[in-house]
Amino acid sequence: MAQAQWVTPTGDDWIELTSEPLPLGLATTWPVLPRSGALVVFAGTVRDHAEGRPGVVSLEYEAYAGAARRLMGEVAGELRQRWPESGRVVLWHRTGTLVPTEISVVVAVSAPHRAEAFEAARFTIDAVKSRVPIWKRETWEGGSDWALEACSLESTGAHVASTPMGV
């Protein structure tokens, strides 16, 4: 998706769950504010292997969209409680099928100082990985299966299986 097609939010938190490619360049410019002396950007990419699964050719991301967006917003809110001087926050995640080197997740945090920006960005990606109901199905040379670290839905309030379609 071209940068011009992304609509910037009116607030300071930009949360997206999309099947479109993530515009990394936009994640490096939008969060910067005059009061921010630091910007930390994390981009998670699809790699060609997983533990015990060499030759990964694709990852298919699925999300419980309503809960995922809500919980992504809660993570951004918690970041703001912990680091109240934070500037803008980007929290984007892809869905659909991705191949090695494609960007699957972007977190960007601006803050007055680098220490806070690094800490807040690290907190955000770790919280998303542990709390947000997004699953990945790995396809590798020997087969395919849901990733071993699939998200539990206990914190979402959802009453569904812990992997898509009860797998």
Protein backbone atom coordinates (compact mmCIF):
# COMPACT_ATOMS: atom_id res chain seq x y z
CA MET A 1 0.00 0.00 0.00
CA ALA A 2 1.39 3.39 -0.91
CA GLN A 3 2.05 5.83 1.88
CA ALA A 4 -0.56 8.27 0.56
CA GLN A 5 -3.31 5.69 1.14
CA TRP A 6 -2.65 5.46 4.87
CA VAL A 7 -4.74 7.93 6.85
CA THR A 8 -2.85 9.36 9.80
CA PRO A 9 -4.77 9.46 13.07
CA THR A 10 -5.79 12.64 14.84
CA GLY A 11 -4.36 11.45 18.17
CA ASP A 12 -0.88 10.35 19.19
CA ASP A 13 -1.45 6.58 18.93
CA TRP A 14 -1.59 4.90 15.53
CA ILE A 15 -2.88 1.35 15.76
CA GLU A 16 -3.40 -0.76 12.64
CA LEU A 17 -4.21 -4.39 11.95
CA THR A 18 -4.04 -4.82 8.18
CA SER A 19 -3.39 -7.23 5.35
CA GLU A 20 -1.52 -4.49 3.47
CA PRO A 21 2.29 -4.06 3.53
CA LEU A 22 3.47 -1.85 6.39
CA PRO A 23 5.06 1.47 5.28
CA LEU A 24 8.21 1.50 7.39
CA GLY A 25 9.20 4.95 6.13
CA LEU A 26 6.00 6.44 7.49
CA ALA A 27 6.70 4.82 10.88
CA THR A 28 10.00 6.72 10.99
CA THR A 29 8.52 10.15 10.24
CA TRP A 30 5.00 10.38 11.71
CA PRO A 31 5.99 9.77 15.37
CA VAL A 32 8.58 12.57 15.49
CA LEU A 33 7.44 15.64 17.42
CA PRO A 34 9.35 18.84 18.32
CA ARG A 35 9.46 17.76 21.98
CA SER A 36 10.86 14.33 21.11
CA GLY A 37 14.61 13.89 21.16
CA ALA A 38 14.46 10.17 20.41
CA LEU A 39 12.62 7.76 18.16
CA VAL A 40 12.95 3.99 18.43
CA VAL A 41 11.51 1.86 15.64
CA PHE A 42 11.24 -1.91 15.79
CA ALA A 43 10.28 -3.84 12.65
CA GLY A 44 9.71 -7.56 12.96
CA THR A 45 10.34 -9.45 9.73
CA VAL A 46 9.56 -12.93 8.52
CA ARG A 47 12.66 -15.12 8.68
CA ASP A 48 13.41 -18.30 6.76
CA HIS A 49 13.52 -20.60 9.81
CA ALA A 50 11.88 -21.30 13.14
CA GLU A 51 12.98 -23.54 15.99
CA GLY A 52 13.04 -27.07 14.59
CA ARG A 53 11.62 -25.85 11.28
CA PRO A 54 14.30 -24.98 8.73
CA GLY A 55 13.33 -23.68 5.31
CA VAL A 56 10.30 -21.59 6.32
CA VAL A 57 8.75 -20.29 3.10
CA SER A 58 5.83 -18.32 4.53
CA LEU A 59 3.93 -17.26 7.63
CA GLU A 60 0.19 -16.80 7.63
CA TYR A 61 -1.02 -14.40 10.32
CA GLU A 62 -4.57 -14.56 11.62
CA ALA A 63 -6.08 -12.36 14.29
CA TYR A 64 -9.14 -12.16 16.45
CA ALA A 65 -9.52 -8.65 15.03
CA GLY A 66 -11.85 -6.98 17.53
CA ALA A 67 -9.95 -8.20 20.55
CA ALA A 68 -6.58 -7.60 18.86
CA ARG A 69 -7.34 -3.93 18.17
CA ARG A 70 -8.73 -3.43 21.66
CA LEU A 71 -5.71 -5.03 23.32
CA MET A 72 -3.28 -3.12 21.10
CA GLY A 73 -4.99 0.05 22.34
CA GLU A 74 -4.65 -1.14 25.93
CA VAL A 75 -0.93 -1.77 25.41
CA ALA A 76 -0.53 1.79 24.08
CA GLY A 77 -2.46 3.08 27.10
CA GLU A 78 -0.24 1.17 29.50
CA LEU A 79 2.84 2.53 27.72
CA ARG A 80 1.52 6.05 28.33
CA GLN A 81 0.97 5.32 32.03
CA ARG A 82 4.50 3.96 32.42
CA TRP A 83 6.21 6.60 30.24
CA PRO A 84 3.90 9.65 30.39
CA GLU A 85 6.37 11.85 28.48
CA SER A 86 6.13 9.61 25.39
CA GLY A 87 5.29 11.37 22.17
CA ARG A 88 3.63 9.39 19.41
CA VAL A 89 3.22 5.62 19.25
CA VAL A 90 2.93 3.42 16.16
CA LEU A 91 1.66 -0.13 16.61
CA TRP A 92 0.95 -1.93 13.34
CA HIS A 93 0.58 -5.65 12.64
CA ARG A 94 0.03 -7.53 9.41
CA THR A 95 -2.41 -10.34 8.73
CA GLY A 96 -2.43 -12.71 5.78
CA THR A 97 0.39 -14.62 4.12
CA LEU A 98 3.90 -13.16 4.25
CA VAL A 99 7.20 -14.48 2.91
CA PRO A 100 10.72 -14.14 4.33
CA THR A 101 11.97 -10.52 4.60
CA GLU A 102 8.46 -9.01 4.68
CA ILE A 103 7.63 -6.82 7.68
CA SER A 104 5.01 -8.35 9.96
CA VAL A 105 4.95 -5.86 12.84
CA VAL A 106 6.10 -2.29 13.48
CA VAL A 107 6.43 -0.52 16.81
CA ALA A 108 7.68 3.06 16.95
CA VAL A 109 7.86 5.26 20.03
CA SER A 110 9.04 8.84 20.29
CA ALA A 111 10.08 10.30 23.63
CA PRO A 112 12.17 13.17 24.99
CA HIS A 113 15.14 10.86 25.69
CA ARG A 114 16.53 7.63 24.21
CA ALA A 115 16.33 5.54 27.39
CA GLU A 116 12.57 6.03 27.67
CA ALA A 117 12.04 5.47 23.95
CA PHE A 118 13.98 2.19 24.02
CA GLU A 119 12.25 0.96 27.18
CA ALA A 120 8.79 1.86 25.91
CA ALA A 121 9.36 0.25 22.50
CA ARG A 122 10.68 -2.95 24.11
CA PHE A 123 7.71 -3.06 26.48
CA THR A 124 5.30 -2.56 23.57
CA ILE A 125 6.56 -5.35 21.32
CA ASP A 126 6.85 -7.76 24.25
CA ALA A 127 3.30 -6.93 25.39
CA VAL A 128 1.89 -7.36 21.89
CA LYS A 129 3.58 -10.74 21.49
CA SER A 130 2.26 -11.99 24.84
CA ARG A 131 -1.22 -10.42 25.01
CA VAL A 132 -2.67 -9.78 21.56
CA PRO A 133 -4.55 -12.65 19.84
CA ILE A 134 -2.55 -12.90 16.63
CA TRP A 135 -1.46 -16.33 15.45
CA LYS A 136 0.98 -17.42 12.79
CA ARG A 137 0.91 -20.57 10.72
CA GLU A 138 4.40 -21.51 9.55
CA THR A 139 4.92 -23.26 6.24
CA TRP A 140 8.32 -24.87 5.80
CA GLU A 141 9.92 -27.44 3.54
CA GLY A 142 8.57 -30.33 5.65
CA GLY A 143 5.00 -29.14 6.20
CA SER A 144 2.99 -26.50 7.99
CA ASP A 145 1.56 -25.90 11.44
CA TRP A 146 0.63 -23.14 13.85
CA ALA A 147 3.66 -21.58 15.55
CA LEU A 148 4.66 -23.10 18.84
CA GLU A 149 4.21 -19.86 20.81
CA ALA A 150 0.54 -19.27 19.88
CA CYS A 151 -1.23 -16.60 21.95
CA SER A 152 -3.58 -17.65 24.71
CA LEU A 153 -6.91 -15.87 24.68
CA GLU A 154 -7.34 -15.75 28.44
CA SER A 155 -6.69 -12.01 28.61
CA THR A 156 -9.01 -11.15 25.70
CA GLY A 157 -12.22 -12.19 27.40
CA ALA A 158 -12.97 -14.32 24.33
CA HIS A 159 -14.45 -17.77 24.61
CA VAL A 160 -12.78 -19.39 21.62
CA ALA A 161 -9.96 -21.84 21.04
CA SER A 162 -6.38 -20.69 21.57
CA THR A 163 -5.59 -21.08 17.88
CA PRO A 164 -7.74 -20.15 14.86
CA MET A 165 -10.56 -22.53 14.00
CA GLY A 166 -9.79 -24.68 17.03
CA VAL A 167 -6.58 -26.03 15.48
